[in-house]
């Protein structure tokens, strides 16, 4: 009986892994050029698309090191969810992508998970919680440039 329960929990976890709309995935940018996908907003390297064929709103993080590939940070079915999360992602992820190499989903997923779990936290709180304190240097550079 325990074995069966373990198998069922594993199947459930794997199923959730592939159906989670907030799972970070690599996507080809060419998939977002036409074909019913409309760019709604762009802030820094973050882009929000309305994906009509999938009836979803997709948030992408463009990666300059891999110009043909982007990271899809979420693909939600609700415009309200997309319009709520996109500005938060755009604001709070900027220090991370400007200071760290975030070209792989596994590098971004913990940051996104923390952001969603603690939506009221600042980027600094997220950096400390995820152990990515080096991105805190981002603010120093911004302040330094303003004072010059």
N, C-alpha and C. Protein backbone atom coordinates (compact mmCIF):
# COMPACT_ATOMS: atom_id res chain seq x y z
N UNK A 1 0.82 -1.19 0.00
CA UNK A 1 0.00 0.00 0.00
C UNK A 1 0.87 1.26 0.00
N UNK A 2 1.92 1.24 0.80
CA UNK A 2 2.85 2.37 0.85
C UNK A 2 3.50 2.59 -0.50
N UNK A 3 3.87 1.52 -1.16
CA UNK A 3 4.49 1.60 -2.48
C UNK A 3 3.56 2.29 -3.46
N UNK A 4 2.28 1.86 -3.46
CA UNK A 4 1.29 2.45 -4.36
C UNK A 4 1.11 3.94 -4.08
N UNK A 5 1.08 4.31 -2.82
CA UNK A 5 0.95 5.72 -2.45
C UNK A 5 2.15 6.51 -2.96
N UNK A 6 3.35 5.94 -2.83
CA UNK A 6 4.56 6.59 -3.32
C UNK A 6 4.53 6.79 -4.82
N UNK A 7 4.05 5.79 -5.55
CA UNK A 7 3.94 5.90 -7.01
C UNK A 7 2.95 6.98 -7.37
N UNK A 8 1.81 7.03 -6.70
CA UNK A 8 0.79 8.03 -6.99
C UNK A 8 1.31 9.44 -6.71
N UNK A 9 2.05 9.62 -5.63
CA UNK A 9 2.61 10.94 -5.30
C UNK A 9 3.63 11.37 -6.36
N UNK A 10 4.42 10.42 -6.85
CA UNK A 10 5.41 10.72 -7.88
C UNK A 10 4.71 11.13 -9.18
N UNK A 11 3.69 10.39 -9.57
CA UNK A 11 2.93 10.70 -10.79
C UNK A 11 2.29 12.08 -10.65
N UNK A 12 1.74 12.38 -9.50
CA UNK A 12 1.12 13.68 -9.27
C UNK A 12 2.15 14.80 -9.37
N UNK A 13 3.32 14.60 -8.77
CA UNK A 13 4.37 15.62 -8.82
C UNK A 13 4.85 15.86 -10.25
N UNK A 14 5.02 14.80 -11.02
CA UNK A 14 5.45 14.93 -12.42
C UNK A 14 4.37 15.62 -13.24
N UNK A 15 3.13 15.27 -13.02
CA UNK A 15 2.01 15.90 -13.73
C UNK A 15 1.98 17.40 -13.43
N UNK A 16 2.15 17.77 -12.17
CA UNK A 16 2.15 19.18 -11.78
C UNK A 16 3.33 19.91 -12.40
N UNK A 17 4.45 19.23 -12.52
CA UNK A 17 5.64 19.82 -13.11
C UNK A 17 5.37 20.31 -14.53
N UNK A 18 4.62 19.54 -15.30
CA UNK A 18 4.36 19.89 -16.69
C UNK A 18 3.12 20.77 -16.87
N UNK A 19 2.25 20.83 -15.89
CA UNK A 19 1.04 21.63 -16.05
C UNK A 19 1.10 22.96 -15.29
N UNK A 20 2.15 23.20 -14.54
CA UNK A 20 2.28 24.42 -13.75
C UNK A 20 2.47 25.63 -14.69
N UNK A 21 1.55 26.59 -14.70
CA UNK A 21 1.67 27.75 -15.60
C UNK A 21 2.83 28.67 -15.24
N UNK A 22 3.40 28.50 -14.04
CA UNK A 22 4.51 29.34 -13.60
C UNK A 22 5.85 28.61 -13.69
N UNK A 23 5.86 27.50 -14.37
CA UNK A 23 7.10 26.75 -14.58
C UNK A 23 7.92 27.47 -15.65
N UNK A 24 9.17 27.80 -15.36
CA UNK A 24 10.04 28.50 -16.31
C UNK A 24 10.49 27.50 -17.38
N UNK A 25 10.33 27.90 -18.65
CA UNK A 25 10.70 27.03 -19.77
C UNK A 25 11.42 27.82 -20.84
N UNK A 26 12.32 27.14 -21.55
CA UNK A 26 12.95 27.75 -22.72
C UNK A 26 11.99 27.67 -23.89
N UNK A 27 11.90 28.77 -24.65
CA UNK A 27 11.07 28.80 -25.85
C UNK A 27 11.84 29.49 -26.97
N UNK A 28 11.49 29.17 -28.17
CA UNK A 28 12.09 29.83 -29.33
C UNK A 28 11.38 31.17 -29.54
N UNK A 29 12.15 32.22 -29.68
CA UNK A 29 11.55 33.53 -29.93
C UNK A 29 10.78 33.56 -31.25
N UNK A 30 11.19 32.75 -32.20
CA UNK A 30 10.50 32.70 -33.49
C UNK A 30 9.04 32.27 -33.32
N UNK A 31 8.73 31.55 -32.24
CA UNK A 31 7.34 31.15 -31.98
C UNK A 31 6.45 32.36 -31.68
N UNK A 32 7.07 33.48 -31.35
CA UNK A 32 6.31 34.67 -30.96
C UNK A 32 6.32 35.76 -32.02
N UNK A 33 6.67 35.40 -33.23
CA UNK A 33 6.63 36.39 -34.32
C UNK A 33 5.44 36.06 -35.21
N UNK A 34 4.32 36.67 -34.91
CA UNK A 34 3.10 36.44 -35.67
C UNK A 34 2.36 35.23 -35.18
N UNK A 35 1.55 34.67 -36.04
CA UNK A 35 0.80 33.46 -35.70
C UNK A 35 -0.15 33.63 -34.54
N UNK A 36 -0.75 34.81 -34.40
CA UNK A 36 -1.74 35.02 -33.34
C UNK A 36 -1.13 35.41 -32.00
N UNK A 37 0.16 35.71 -31.99
CA UNK A 37 0.81 36.14 -30.75
C UNK A 37 1.10 37.63 -30.85
N UNK A 38 0.52 38.40 -29.94
CA UNK A 38 0.58 39.86 -30.00
C UNK A 38 1.34 40.38 -28.79
N UNK A 39 2.35 41.21 -29.06
CA UNK A 39 3.12 41.81 -27.97
C UNK A 39 2.26 42.89 -27.32
N UNK A 40 2.04 42.77 -26.01
CA UNK A 40 1.22 43.73 -25.28
C UNK A 40 2.06 44.76 -24.52
N UNK A 41 3.13 44.28 -23.89
CA UNK A 41 3.98 45.17 -23.09
C UNK A 41 5.42 44.71 -23.18
N UNK A 42 6.33 45.67 -23.01
CA UNK A 42 7.74 45.34 -22.94
C UNK A 42 8.41 46.30 -21.96
N UNK A 43 9.11 45.74 -21.00
CA UNK A 43 9.85 46.52 -20.01
C UNK A 43 11.22 45.88 -19.83
N UNK A 44 12.26 46.60 -20.23
CA UNK A 44 13.60 46.00 -20.17
C UNK A 44 13.66 44.78 -21.07
N UNK A 45 14.05 43.67 -20.53
CA UNK A 45 14.11 42.42 -21.31
C UNK A 45 12.87 41.56 -21.11
N UNK A 46 11.87 42.08 -20.42
CA UNK A 46 10.63 41.34 -20.17
C UNK A 46 9.59 41.74 -21.21
N UNK A 47 8.88 40.73 -21.73
CA UNK A 47 7.86 40.98 -22.75
C UNK A 47 6.61 40.17 -22.40
N UNK A 48 5.45 40.80 -22.52
CA UNK A 48 4.18 40.12 -22.30
C UNK A 48 3.46 39.99 -23.63
N UNK A 49 3.08 38.76 -23.97
CA UNK A 49 2.36 38.47 -25.21
C UNK A 49 0.98 37.92 -24.89
N UNK A 50 0.03 38.25 -25.76
CA UNK A 50 -1.25 37.55 -25.76
C UNK A 50 -1.09 36.45 -26.80
N UNK A 51 -1.25 35.23 -26.36
CA UNK A 51 -1.06 34.05 -27.20
C UNK A 51 -2.44 33.52 -27.56
N UNK A 52 -3.01 34.05 -28.64
CA UNK A 52 -4.38 33.71 -29.03
C UNK A 52 -4.58 32.22 -29.31
N UNK A 53 -3.66 31.54 -30.05
CA UNK A 53 -3.88 30.11 -30.30
C UNK A 53 -4.00 29.27 -29.03
N UNK A 54 -3.23 29.62 -28.00
CA UNK A 54 -3.27 28.88 -26.74
C UNK A 54 -4.24 29.49 -25.73
N UNK A 55 -4.83 30.62 -26.09
CA UNK A 55 -5.71 31.36 -25.20
C UNK A 55 -5.02 31.63 -23.86
N UNK A 56 -3.80 32.19 -23.96
CA UNK A 56 -3.02 32.45 -22.77
C UNK A 56 -2.28 33.78 -22.90
N UNK A 57 -1.71 34.21 -21.80
CA UNK A 57 -0.85 35.38 -21.74
C UNK A 57 0.51 34.86 -21.30
N UNK A 58 1.54 35.14 -22.09
CA UNK A 58 2.88 34.59 -21.87
C UNK A 58 3.86 35.70 -21.53
N UNK A 59 4.61 35.51 -20.47
CA UNK A 59 5.65 36.45 -20.06
C UNK A 59 7.01 35.86 -20.41
N UNK A 60 7.78 36.59 -21.23
CA UNK A 60 9.09 36.10 -21.65
C UNK A 60 10.19 36.99 -21.11
N UNK A 61 11.32 36.36 -20.81
CA UNK A 61 12.55 37.07 -20.48
C UNK A 61 13.53 36.81 -21.62
N UNK A 62 13.85 37.88 -22.36
CA UNK A 62 14.79 37.74 -23.47
C UNK A 62 16.21 37.66 -22.91
N UNK A 63 17.01 36.79 -23.50
CA UNK A 63 18.38 36.56 -23.05
C UNK A 63 19.35 37.01 -24.13
N UNK A 64 20.15 38.05 -23.88
CA UNK A 64 21.04 38.57 -24.93
C UNK A 64 22.10 37.56 -25.38
N UNK A 65 22.48 36.64 -24.50
CA UNK A 65 23.48 35.64 -24.86
C UNK A 65 22.94 34.59 -25.82
N UNK A 66 21.63 34.42 -25.83
CA UNK A 66 20.98 33.46 -26.73
C UNK A 66 19.82 34.18 -27.41
N UNK A 67 20.10 34.96 -28.46
CA UNK A 67 19.07 35.83 -29.06
C UNK A 67 17.90 35.10 -29.72
N UNK A 68 18.01 33.82 -29.97
CA UNK A 68 16.90 33.09 -30.59
C UNK A 68 16.04 32.37 -29.55
N UNK A 69 16.50 32.38 -28.29
CA UNK A 69 15.80 31.66 -27.22
C UNK A 69 15.44 32.65 -26.12
N UNK A 70 14.27 32.45 -25.53
CA UNK A 70 13.84 33.24 -24.38
C UNK A 70 13.39 32.29 -23.29
N UNK A 71 13.22 32.81 -22.10
CA UNK A 71 12.65 32.03 -21.01
C UNK A 71 11.21 32.48 -20.80
N UNK A 72 10.30 31.53 -20.89
CA UNK A 72 8.90 31.85 -20.61
C UNK A 72 8.71 31.69 -19.11
N UNK A 73 8.42 32.80 -18.44
CA UNK A 73 8.31 32.80 -16.98
C UNK A 73 6.94 32.39 -16.50
N UNK A 74 5.94 32.68 -17.29
CA UNK A 74 4.60 32.15 -17.01
C UNK A 74 3.78 32.11 -18.29
N UNK A 75 2.78 31.24 -18.27
CA UNK A 75 1.79 31.14 -19.34
C UNK A 75 0.46 30.90 -18.65
N UNK A 76 -0.28 32.00 -18.43
CA UNK A 76 -1.52 31.93 -17.66
C UNK A 76 -2.73 32.11 -18.57
N UNK A 77 -3.86 31.59 -18.12
CA UNK A 77 -5.09 31.67 -18.90
C UNK A 77 -5.93 32.89 -18.56
N UNK A 78 -5.50 33.64 -17.57
CA UNK A 78 -6.27 34.80 -17.11
C UNK A 78 -5.52 36.09 -17.40
N UNK A 79 -6.19 37.00 -18.10
CA UNK A 79 -5.60 38.31 -18.36
C UNK A 79 -5.33 39.05 -17.04
N UNK A 80 -6.22 38.88 -16.09
CA UNK A 80 -6.05 39.53 -14.78
C UNK A 80 -4.77 39.06 -14.10
N UNK A 81 -4.50 37.74 -14.12
CA UNK A 81 -3.26 37.21 -13.54
C UNK A 81 -2.05 37.77 -14.27
N UNK A 82 -2.11 37.80 -15.59
CA UNK A 82 -0.98 38.30 -16.38
C UNK A 82 -0.70 39.77 -16.07
N UNK A 83 -1.76 40.58 -16.00
CA UNK A 83 -1.59 42.01 -15.75
C UNK A 83 -1.16 42.29 -14.31
N UNK A 84 -1.45 41.36 -13.42
CA UNK A 84 -1.01 41.48 -12.03
C UNK A 84 0.47 41.10 -11.90
N UNK A 85 0.87 39.97 -12.49
CA UNK A 85 2.23 39.46 -12.31
C UNK A 85 3.26 40.16 -13.19
N UNK A 86 2.91 40.55 -14.40
CA UNK A 86 3.92 41.11 -15.30
C UNK A 86 4.66 42.33 -14.71
N UNK A 87 3.97 43.33 -14.17
CA UNK A 87 4.71 44.48 -13.62
C UNK A 87 5.61 44.09 -12.44
N UNK A 88 5.16 43.13 -11.66
CA UNK A 88 5.98 42.69 -10.53
C UNK A 88 7.24 41.97 -11.02
N UNK A 89 7.06 41.08 -12.01
CA UNK A 89 8.22 40.39 -12.58
C UNK A 89 9.17 41.41 -13.21
N UNK A 90 8.63 42.36 -13.98
CA UNK A 90 9.46 43.34 -14.67
C UNK A 90 10.27 44.17 -13.68
N UNK A 91 9.67 44.57 -12.59
CA UNK A 91 10.35 45.40 -11.60
C UNK A 91 11.34 44.59 -10.77
N UNK A 92 10.91 43.46 -10.25
CA UNK A 92 11.71 42.72 -9.27
C UNK A 92 12.77 41.81 -9.88
N UNK A 93 12.62 41.42 -11.14
CA UNK A 93 13.63 40.56 -11.77
C UNK A 93 14.77 41.34 -12.40
N UNK A 94 14.56 42.62 -12.64
CA UNK A 94 15.59 43.42 -13.33
C UNK A 94 16.97 43.35 -12.67
N UNK A 95 17.09 43.53 -11.35
CA UNK A 95 18.43 43.44 -10.75
C UNK A 95 19.08 42.07 -10.96
N UNK A 96 18.26 41.03 -11.04
CA UNK A 96 18.80 39.68 -11.23
C UNK A 96 19.33 39.51 -12.65
N UNK A 97 18.53 39.88 -13.65
CA UNK A 97 18.98 39.63 -15.02
C UNK A 97 20.04 40.61 -15.48
N UNK A 98 20.17 41.75 -14.80
CA UNK A 98 21.22 42.70 -15.17
C UNK A 98 22.56 42.38 -14.52
N UNK A 99 22.56 41.54 -13.49
CA UNK A 99 23.82 41.24 -12.79
C UNK A 99 24.22 39.77 -12.83
N UNK A 100 23.29 38.89 -13.14
CA UNK A 100 23.57 37.45 -13.11
C UNK A 100 23.31 36.82 -14.47
N UNK A 101 24.01 35.73 -14.78
CA UNK A 101 23.71 35.01 -16.03
C UNK A 101 22.46 34.14 -15.84
N UNK A 102 21.33 34.59 -16.32
CA UNK A 102 20.06 33.88 -16.15
C UNK A 102 19.58 33.32 -17.48
N UNK A 103 20.36 32.44 -18.08
CA UNK A 103 20.00 31.92 -19.39
C UNK A 103 19.31 30.55 -19.32
N UNK A 104 19.24 29.96 -18.15
CA UNK A 104 18.65 28.63 -18.01
C UNK A 104 17.47 28.65 -17.05
N UNK A 105 16.45 27.86 -17.33
CA UNK A 105 15.27 27.83 -16.46
C UNK A 105 15.60 27.53 -15.00
N UNK A 106 16.53 26.61 -14.79
CA UNK A 106 16.84 26.22 -13.40
C UNK A 106 17.49 27.36 -12.61
N UNK A 107 18.06 28.34 -13.28
CA UNK A 107 18.63 29.50 -12.59
C UNK A 107 17.54 30.50 -12.20
N UNK A 108 16.49 30.57 -12.98
CA UNK A 108 15.43 31.56 -12.77
C UNK A 108 14.29 31.03 -11.90
N UNK A 109 14.03 29.74 -11.96
CA UNK A 109 12.87 29.17 -11.26
C UNK A 109 12.83 29.50 -9.76
N UNK A 110 13.94 29.36 -9.02
CA UNK A 110 13.86 29.69 -7.58
C UNK A 110 13.53 31.17 -7.32
N UNK A 111 14.00 32.04 -8.19
CA UNK A 111 13.72 33.47 -8.02
C UNK A 111 12.24 33.73 -8.24
N UNK A 112 11.69 33.17 -9.31
CA UNK A 112 10.28 33.34 -9.64
C UNK A 112 9.40 32.71 -8.56
N UNK A 113 9.77 31.54 -8.07
CA UNK A 113 8.99 30.89 -7.01
C UNK A 113 8.95 31.77 -5.76
N UNK A 114 10.09 32.34 -5.40
CA UNK A 114 10.16 33.21 -4.22
C UNK A 114 9.32 34.46 -4.44
N UNK A 115 9.41 35.05 -5.62
CA UNK A 115 8.64 36.25 -5.94
C UNK A 115 7.14 35.97 -5.81
N UNK A 116 6.70 34.85 -6.32
CA UNK A 116 5.27 34.53 -6.25
C UNK A 116 4.83 34.21 -4.82
N UNK A 117 5.69 33.54 -4.08
CA UNK A 117 5.35 33.17 -2.70
C UNK A 117 5.31 34.41 -1.80
N UNK A 118 6.18 35.38 -2.09
CA UNK A 118 6.28 36.58 -1.26
C UNK A 118 6.14 37.81 -2.16
N UNK A 119 4.97 38.01 -2.72
CA UNK A 119 4.74 39.09 -3.69
C UNK A 119 5.00 40.47 -3.11
N UNK A 120 4.93 40.61 -1.80
CA UNK A 120 5.15 41.91 -1.18
C UNK A 120 6.62 42.19 -0.87
N UNK A 121 7.49 41.23 -1.15
CA UNK A 121 8.92 41.41 -0.89
C UNK A 121 9.56 42.24 -1.99
N UNK A 122 10.62 42.94 -1.62
CA UNK A 122 11.42 43.68 -2.61
C UNK A 122 12.41 42.72 -3.27
N UNK A 123 13.08 43.21 -4.31
CA UNK A 123 14.11 42.40 -4.97
C UNK A 123 15.23 42.06 -3.99
N UNK A 124 15.54 42.97 -3.07
CA UNK A 124 16.59 42.71 -2.08
C UNK A 124 16.20 41.55 -1.16
N UNK A 125 14.94 41.52 -0.72
CA UNK A 125 14.48 40.40 0.11
C UNK A 125 14.60 39.08 -0.65
N UNK A 126 14.20 39.10 -1.91
CA UNK A 126 14.25 37.89 -2.74
C UNK A 126 15.70 37.45 -2.92
N UNK A 127 16.60 38.41 -3.14
CA UNK A 127 18.02 38.10 -3.33
C UNK A 127 18.59 37.41 -2.09
N UNK A 128 18.27 37.93 -0.92
CA UNK A 128 18.78 37.33 0.32
C UNK A 128 18.18 35.94 0.52
N UNK A 129 16.88 35.80 0.31
CA UNK A 129 16.22 34.51 0.52
C UNK A 129 16.73 33.44 -0.42
N UNK A 130 17.03 33.81 -1.66
CA UNK A 130 17.49 32.83 -2.65
C UNK A 130 19.01 32.66 -2.66
N UNK A 131 19.71 33.42 -1.80
CA UNK A 131 21.17 33.31 -1.74
C UNK A 131 21.88 33.97 -2.90
N UNK A 132 21.22 34.91 -3.56
CA UNK A 132 21.79 35.60 -4.73
C UNK A 132 22.12 37.05 -4.38
N UNK A 133 22.86 37.22 -3.31
CA UNK A 133 23.18 38.56 -2.81
C UNK A 133 23.98 39.40 -3.80
N UNK A 134 24.70 38.75 -4.72
CA UNK A 134 25.52 39.51 -5.67
C UNK A 134 24.67 40.45 -6.53
N UNK A 135 23.39 40.17 -6.68
CA UNK A 135 22.54 41.07 -7.48
C UNK A 135 22.24 42.36 -6.72
N UNK A 136 22.53 42.40 -5.44
CA UNK A 136 22.33 43.63 -4.67
C UNK A 136 23.27 44.73 -5.14
N UNK A 137 24.33 44.38 -5.81
CA UNK A 137 25.26 45.36 -6.36
C UNK A 137 24.58 46.21 -7.43
N UNK A 138 23.52 45.69 -8.01
CA UNK A 138 22.77 46.41 -9.05
C UNK A 138 22.37 47.80 -8.57
N UNK A 139 21.78 47.89 -7.40
CA UNK A 139 21.33 49.18 -6.87
C UNK A 139 22.49 50.13 -6.64
N UNK A 140 23.61 49.62 -6.20
CA UNK A 140 24.78 50.46 -5.98
C UNK A 140 25.20 51.12 -7.27
N UNK A 141 25.23 50.37 -8.37
CA UNK A 141 25.63 50.94 -9.65
C UNK A 141 24.64 52.00 -10.12
N UNK A 142 23.37 51.78 -9.90
CA UNK A 142 22.36 52.76 -10.30
C UNK A 142 22.55 54.04 -9.51
N UNK A 143 22.72 53.92 -8.20
CA UNK A 143 22.91 55.10 -7.36
C UNK A 143 24.18 55.83 -7.74
N UNK A 144 25.25 55.08 -7.99
CA UNK A 144 26.53 55.69 -8.35
C UNK A 144 26.38 56.49 -9.64
N UNK A 145 25.71 55.97 -10.62
CA UNK A 145 25.54 56.68 -11.90
C UNK A 145 24.70 57.95 -11.70
N UNK A 146 23.71 57.88 -10.82
CA UNK A 146 22.88 59.06 -10.59
C UNK A 146 23.67 60.19 -9.93
N UNK A 147 24.64 59.86 -9.12
CA UNK A 147 25.40 60.87 -8.41
C UNK A 147 26.55 61.44 -9.22
N UNK A 148 26.89 60.80 -10.34
CA UNK A 148 28.01 61.29 -11.16
C UNK A 148 27.62 62.45 -12.03
